[in-house]
Amino acid sequence: MALAFVFPGQGSQAVGMGEALASEFKVARDVFEEVDEALGQKLSHLMASGPAEELTLTENAQPAIMANSIATMRVLKAEFGVDVTAADYVAGHSLGEYSALCAAGSLSLSRTAILLKARGQAMQKAVAKGVGAMAALLGVTEEQAQAAVDKGSAKGVVTIANDNAPGQIVISGTLEAVEAALAAAKDDGARHAMMLDVSAPFHCPMMQPAAEAMAEALADATISAPVVPLVNNVSAEAVTDPEVIRAQLVDQVTGKVRWRESVDWMHGQGVDRFAEAGSKVLSNMLKRHIREAKGVPLIDRATLEAFAETLS
């Protein structure tokens, strides 16, 4: 039996996120204040009060989700005596990988916030609005998704962006190519295939300008070996070498998020509990993936306290 702490990606943001923790715990407020100071903006006010359309902007959502996850982890440690070393692995979905690295001591909180702000801005600028698109394919195998992508490629760039769970795949690329792949997936019997309301085509070759920007941003960032091995999106295996981590954070921008494989790898190492810091998105995915494993959302005092009690 083993434990992993996992950290959600974009799409898990919501107005009011972190508000319960901030109202009750100073250590959570301290996280939000440090992120505000690092970014030179009142991100905590945006998280608490919205508006939702501003919070959802990539450059705001990415550091906000991270701040909420780290606040959760710090409350867990300060109030309930459980820190990241209780786990065998950490892992994060896309931007969640930065949260995982911060939680595991590889990146400082301020540096993580600055990097994610830069990442969000770079990803937004990489492709003009309306040129790219993403779509979700449900009820398809990876082979069916790849076949749809192959057909869509006749119209432009399109690749598998996220392999989230069995039967849940996201594709990304130019609008025309994604629409063609979507139609092919429907013809091949996809249970559900729909365009996603996103501002850019993440995790595909069109993000190369953003990858180059992140290579520059990460070049002088201090990255330490994580105190708990990171299972990263690029390799879907555990890594601890700071230079490998640095390179893979760059590769991650254009590469596929291999979340299904990452979860499978951790489960193969004996992980049967996945504690999710600040959200329940990944926990819900797990229900459709490995039924004998348990997702544990850590969101408020009650969920943190109950989780800590299971470790005592």
Protein backbone atom coordinates (compact mmCIF):
# COMPACT_ATOMS: atom_id res chain seq x y z
CA MET A 1 0.00 0.00 0.00
CA ALA A 2 1.37 3.38 -0.98
CA LEU A 3 0.25 6.98 -1.33
CA ALA A 4 0.68 9.69 -3.97
CA PHE A 5 -0.15 13.36 -3.68
CA VAL A 6 -1.57 14.63 -6.98
CA PHE A 7 -2.16 18.18 -8.15
CA PRO A 8 -4.87 19.34 -10.58
CA GLY A 9 -4.48 21.30 -13.79
CA GLN A 10 -6.39 23.99 -15.64
CA GLY A 11 -10.14 23.64 -15.49
CA SER A 12 -10.19 23.03 -11.73
CA GLN A 13 -10.36 26.75 -10.95
CA ALA A 14 -13.53 28.25 -9.49
CA VAL A 15 -14.46 31.54 -7.87
CA GLY A 16 -14.19 31.03 -4.12
CA MET A 17 -11.31 28.56 -4.36
CA GLY A 18 -9.22 28.53 -1.19
CA GLU A 19 -11.63 30.85 0.62
CA ALA A 20 -12.59 28.33 3.31
CA LEU A 21 -8.94 27.58 4.11
CA ALA A 22 -7.96 31.26 4.06
CA SER A 23 -10.77 32.25 6.42
CA GLU A 24 -9.74 29.62 8.96
CA PHE A 25 -5.96 29.17 8.68
CA LYS A 26 -3.23 31.81 8.72
CA VAL A 27 -0.83 29.46 6.93
CA ALA A 28 -3.20 29.44 3.94
CA ARG A 29 -3.49 33.24 3.96
CA ASP A 30 0.30 33.43 4.05
CA VAL A 31 0.49 31.38 0.83
CA PHE A 32 -1.95 33.62 -0.99
CA GLU A 33 -0.18 36.77 0.24
CA GLU A 34 3.21 35.47 -0.92
CA VAL A 35 1.81 34.66 -4.37
CA ASP A 36 0.19 38.11 -4.57
CA GLU A 37 3.51 39.74 -3.70
CA ALA A 38 5.49 37.62 -6.17
CA LEU A 39 3.12 38.46 -9.02
CA GLY A 40 2.47 42.07 -8.09
CA GLN A 41 -1.29 41.53 -8.32
CA LYS A 42 -4.15 40.71 -5.97
CA LEU A 43 -4.68 37.22 -7.33
CA SER A 44 -6.18 36.16 -4.00
CA HIS A 45 -9.00 38.72 -4.46
CA LEU A 46 -9.67 37.36 -7.93
CA MET A 47 -9.76 33.82 -6.55
CA ALA A 48 -12.15 34.79 -3.79
CA SER A 49 -14.50 37.10 -5.68
CA GLY A 50 -13.97 36.70 -9.42
CA PRO A 51 -15.15 37.61 -11.97
CA ALA A 52 -15.00 34.05 -13.30
CA GLU A 53 -14.03 35.09 -16.82
CA GLU A 54 -10.94 36.86 -15.48
CA LEU A 55 -9.98 33.99 -13.18
CA THR A 56 -10.31 31.60 -16.12
CA LEU A 57 -7.72 33.50 -18.17
CA THR A 58 -4.77 31.15 -18.53
CA GLU A 59 -2.27 33.54 -16.97
CA ASN A 60 -4.46 33.83 -13.84
CA ALA A 61 -5.84 30.30 -13.60
CA GLN A 62 -2.43 28.63 -13.61
CA PRO A 63 -0.90 30.40 -10.58
CA ALA A 64 -4.29 30.43 -8.81
CA ILE A 65 -4.70 26.66 -9.01
CA MET A 66 -1.14 26.20 -7.79
CA ALA A 67 -1.64 28.61 -4.87
CA ASN A 68 -4.77 26.77 -3.79
CA SER A 69 -2.97 23.41 -3.93
CA ILE A 70 0.02 24.64 -1.93
CA ALA A 71 -2.20 26.32 0.65
CA THR A 72 -3.95 22.98 1.08
CA MET A 73 -0.67 21.14 1.56
CA ARG A 74 0.62 23.68 4.08
CA VAL A 75 -2.55 23.52 6.14
CA LEU A 76 -2.29 19.74 6.09
CA LYS A 77 1.21 19.98 7.53
CA ALA A 78 0.73 22.84 9.99
CA GLU A 79 -2.63 21.79 11.43
CA PHE A 80 -2.69 18.02 11.01
CA GLY A 81 0.97 17.03 11.06
CA VAL A 82 1.10 15.44 7.59
CA ASP A 83 3.61 16.66 5.04
CA VAL A 84 4.53 15.65 1.50
CA THR A 85 6.99 13.00 2.72
CA ALA A 86 4.01 10.89 3.81
CA ALA A 87 3.68 10.02 0.12
CA ASP A 88 5.78 7.78 -2.09
CA TYR A 89 5.28 9.98 -5.17
CA VAL A 90 3.95 13.35 -6.29
CA ALA A 91 2.45 14.06 -9.70
CA GLY A 92 0.55 16.88 -11.34
CA HIS A 93 -1.66 17.24 -14.39
CA SER A 94 -0.04 19.75 -16.77
CA LEU A 95 0.45 22.94 -14.69
CA GLY A 96 -0.13 20.72 -11.65
CA GLU A 97 3.39 19.43 -12.18
CA TYR A 98 4.66 22.81 -10.99
CA SER A 99 2.45 22.52 -7.88
CA ALA A 100 3.87 19.05 -7.25
CA LEU A 101 7.43 20.35 -7.53
CA CYS A 102 6.67 23.23 -5.18
CA ALA A 103 5.09 20.87 -2.65
CA ALA A 104 8.11 18.56 -2.87
CA GLY A 105 10.59 21.37 -2.28
CA SER A 106 12.01 21.59 -5.81
CA LEU A 107 10.75 25.13 -6.46
CA SER A 108 10.07 27.97 -4.06
CA LEU A 109 6.49 29.22 -3.88
CA SER A 110 7.35 32.65 -5.29
CA ARG A 111 9.35 31.19 -8.17
CA THR A 112 6.55 28.73 -8.96
CA ALA A 113 4.01 31.55 -9.13
CA ILE A 114 6.24 33.62 -11.42
CA LEU A 115 6.93 30.66 -13.70
CA LEU A 116 3.25 29.80 -14.00
CA LYS A 117 2.31 33.40 -14.76
CA ALA A 118 4.94 33.38 -17.51
CA ARG A 119 3.75 29.98 -18.72
CA GLY A 120 0.15 31.14 -18.95
CA GLN A 121 1.08 34.31 -20.81
CA ALA A 122 3.38 32.45 -23.21
CA MET A 123 0.78 29.79 -23.97
CA GLN A 124 -1.85 32.44 -24.64
CA LYS A 125 0.44 34.41 -26.95
CA ALA A 126 1.73 31.39 -28.90
CA VAL A 127 -1.34 31.09 -31.13
CA ALA A 128 -3.77 33.81 -32.21
CA LYS A 129 -7.26 33.40 -30.80
CA GLY A 130 -9.54 31.42 -33.11
CA VAL A 131 -6.70 29.69 -34.96
CA GLY A 132 -6.41 26.73 -32.61
CA ALA A 133 -8.87 24.49 -30.81
CA MET A 134 -9.19 21.51 -28.49
CA ALA A 135 -11.80 18.77 -28.29
CA ALA A 136 -12.67 15.95 -25.90
CA LEU A 137 -13.23 12.42 -27.17
CA LEU A 138 -15.11 10.17 -24.76
CA GLY A 139 -15.62 6.45 -25.11
CA VAL A 140 -12.68 5.94 -27.46
CA THR A 141 -9.50 3.92 -27.15
CA GLU A 142 -6.13 5.57 -27.64
CA GLU A 143 -5.92 3.74 -30.98
CA GLN A 144 -9.29 5.15 -32.10
CA ALA A 145 -8.24 8.64 -31.02
CA GLN A 146 -5.00 8.33 -32.95
CA ALA A 147 -6.88 7.15 -36.02
CA ALA A 148 -9.15 10.19 -35.80
CA VAL A 149 -6.11 12.45 -35.40
CA ASP A 150 -4.45 10.85 -38.42
CA LYS A 151 -7.52 11.67 -40.53
CA GLY A 152 -7.75 15.19 -39.16
CA SER A 153 -4.08 15.84 -39.94
CA ALA A 154 -5.00 16.22 -43.61
CA LYS A 155 -6.50 19.59 -42.61
CA GLY A 156 -3.60 20.82 -40.46
CA VAL A 157 -1.90 20.20 -37.13
CA VAL A 158 -3.72 17.97 -34.65
CA THR A 159 -2.37 15.65 -31.95
CA ILE A 160 -3.46 13.88 -28.78
CA ALA A 161 -2.91 16.48 -26.05
CA ASN A 162 -4.17 14.72 -22.92
CA ASP A 163 -4.58 11.00 -22.31
CA ASN A 164 -6.52 11.46 -19.08
CA ALA A 165 -8.13 8.10 -18.38
CA PRO A 166 -9.43 5.11 -20.30
CA GLY A 167 -11.96 6.48 -22.78
CA GLN A 168 -11.17 10.13 -22.01
CA ILE A 169 -8.80 11.79 -24.48
CA VAL A 170 -8.32 15.42 -25.48
CA ILE A 171 -6.99 16.48 -28.88
CA SER A 172 -5.43 19.81 -29.85
CA GLY A 173 -4.36 21.67 -33.00
CA THR A 174 -5.66 24.00 -35.70
CA LEU A 175 -9.41 24.56 -35.69
CA GLU A 176 -9.99 22.88 -39.06
CA ALA A 177 -7.90 19.82 -38.21
CA VAL A 178 -9.52 19.38 -34.80
CA GLU A 179 -13.00 19.64 -36.36
CA ALA A 180 -12.04 17.00 -38.93
CA ALA A 181 -10.67 14.68 -36.25
CA LEU A 182 -13.81 15.22 -34.19
CA ALA A 183 -15.99 14.19 -37.12
CA ALA A 184 -13.83 11.12 -37.73
CA ALA A 185 -14.11 10.10 -34.07
CA LYS A 186 -17.89 10.40 -34.22
CA ASP A 187 -17.97 8.27 -37.36
CA ASP A 188 -15.85 5.68 -35.54
CA GLY A 189 -18.35 5.42 -32.69
CA ALA A 190 -17.10 7.84 -30.05
CA ARG A 191 -19.68 7.96 -27.27
CA HIS A 192 -19.30 11.71 -27.02
CA ALA A 193 -17.09 14.13 -28.94
CA MET A 194 -17.20 17.86 -28.33
CA MET A 195 -15.22 21.04 -28.81
CA LEU A 196 -13.82 22.54 -25.61
CA ASP A 197 -14.15 26.18 -24.57
CA VAL A 198 -10.44 26.98 -24.35
CA SER A 199 -8.43 29.99 -25.41
CA ALA A 200 -5.54 28.16 -27.11
CA PRO A 201 -4.51 24.69 -28.41
CA PHE A 202 -2.45 23.47 -25.46
CA HIS A 203 0.00 20.55 -25.52
CA CYS A 204 0.57 20.40 -29.26
CA PRO A 205 3.37 21.51 -31.62
CA MET A 206 1.66 24.90 -32.07
CA MET A 207 2.84 25.72 -28.54
CA GLN A 208 6.51 25.72 -29.63
CA PRO A 209 6.87 29.50 -29.07
CA ALA A 210 5.63 28.97 -25.50
CA ALA A 211 8.09 26.11 -25.01
CA GLU A 212 10.91 28.41 -26.08
CA ALA A 213 9.71 31.09 -23.68
CA MET A 214 9.61 28.57 -20.84
CA ALA A 215 13.08 27.28 -21.68
CA GLU A 216 14.30 30.85 -21.16
CA ALA A 217 12.27 31.34 -17.97
CA LEU A 218 13.44 28.03 -16.49
CA ALA A 219 17.09 28.48 -17.45
CA ASP A 220 17.96 30.48 -14.34
CA ALA A 221 15.35 28.98 -12.01
CA THR A 222 16.74 27.15 -8.99
CA ILE A 223 15.38 23.61 -9.10
CA SER A 224 16.29 21.24 -6.28
CA ALA A 225 15.82 17.48 -6.17
CA PRO A 226 12.28 16.79 -4.91
CA VAL A 227 12.06 15.20 -1.46
CA VAL A 228 9.50 12.80 -2.99
CA PRO A 229 10.00 11.49 -6.56
CA LEU A 230 7.98 13.26 -9.25
CA VAL A 231 6.08 11.16 -11.78
CA ASN A 232 6.04 13.56 -14.68
CA ASN A 233 3.79 14.10 -17.68
CA VAL A 234 6.46 13.57 -20.33
CA SER A 235 7.92 10.21 -19.26
CA ALA A 236 5.09 8.88 -17.04
CA GLU A 237 7.82 7.62 -14.70
CA ALA A 238 9.52 8.86 -11.54
CA VAL A 239 12.30 11.43 -11.84
CA THR A 240 14.41 13.24 -9.24
CA ASP A 241 17.26 14.80 -11.26
CA PRO A 242 16.75 18.61 -11.33
CA GLU A 243 18.18 18.97 -14.84
CA VAL A 244 15.92 16.25 -16.21
CA ILE A 245 12.99 17.96 -14.52
CA ARG A 246 13.98 21.32 -16.03
CA ALA A 247 14.16 19.86 -19.56
CA GLN A 248 10.89 17.98 -19.20
CA LEU A 249 9.03 21.08 -17.99
CA VAL A 250 9.95 22.59 -21.35
CA ASP A 251 8.99 19.45 -23.29
CA GLN A 252 5.70 19.33 -21.41
CA VAL A 253 4.45 22.52 -23.12
CA THR A 254 4.20 20.88 -26.55
CA GLY A 255 4.03 17.26 -25.39
CA LYS A 256 1.17 14.96 -24.48
CA VAL A 257 -0.01 14.86 -20.87
CA ARG A 258 0.36 11.14 -20.18
CA TRP A 259 -1.87 11.13 -17.12
CA ARG A 260 -3.44 7.71 -17.64
CA GLU A 261 0.01 6.16 -18.00
CA SER A 262 1.31 8.09 -14.99
CA VAL A 263 -1.50 6.78 -12.80
CA ASP A 264 -0.97 3.27 -14.15
CA TRP A 265 2.76 3.51 -13.39
CA MET A 266 2.16 4.64 -9.80
CA HIS A 267 -0.46 1.96 -9.29
CA GLY A 268 2.05 -0.56 -10.58
CA GLN A 269 4.42 0.61 -7.83
CA GLY A 270 1.77 -0.14 -5.23
CA VAL A 271 0.01 3.24 -4.97
CA ASP A 272 -3.60 2.66 -3.98
CA ARG A 273 -4.48 6.14 -2.67
CA PHE A 274 -4.22 9.38 -4.62
CA ALA A 275 -4.69 12.42 -2.37
CA GLU A 276 -5.61 15.45 -4.49
CA ALA A 277 -4.59 18.86 -3.15
CA GLY A 278 -7.34 21.44 -3.55
CA SER A 279 -9.72 19.77 -6.01
CA LYS A 280 -11.64 16.63 -6.90
CA VAL A 281 -11.12 16.65 -10.69
CA LEU A 282 -8.38 14.01 -10.71
CA SER A 283 -10.19 11.97 -8.05
CA ASN A 284 -13.24 11.81 -10.28
CA MET A 285 -11.09 10.69 -13.21
CA LEU A 286 -9.67 7.91 -11.06
CA LYS A 287 -13.15 6.45 -10.49
CA ARG A 288 -13.31 5.67 -14.21
CA HIS A 289 -9.77 4.35 -14.30
CA ILE A 290 -8.68 2.11 -11.42
CA ARG A 291 -11.63 1.09 -9.30
CA GLU A 292 -9.58 -0.55 -6.58
CA ALA A 293 -7.62 2.67 -6.02
CA LYS A 294 -9.06 5.55 -4.04
CA GLY A 295 -9.03 9.23 -4.90
CA VAL A 296 -9.07 11.48 -1.84
CA PRO A 297 -9.98 15.13 -2.50
CA LEU A 298 -8.38 17.48 0.05
CA ILE A 299 -10.43 20.66 0.03
CA ASP A 300 -11.36 21.88 3.52
CA ARG A 301 -10.86 21.19 7.23
CA ALA A 302 -13.13 18.17 7.24
CA THR A 303 -11.44 16.40 4.32
CA LEU A 304 -7.94 17.25 5.57
CA GLU A 305 -8.70 16.04 9.08
CA ALA A 306 -10.31 12.82 7.87
CA PHE A 307 -7.34 12.11 5.61
CA ALA A 308 -4.81 12.76 8.38
CA GLU A 309 -6.65 10.38 10.66
CA THR A 310 -6.22 7.56 8.14
CA LEU A 311 -2.44 8.01 8.35
CA SER A 312 -2.22 8.03 12.15
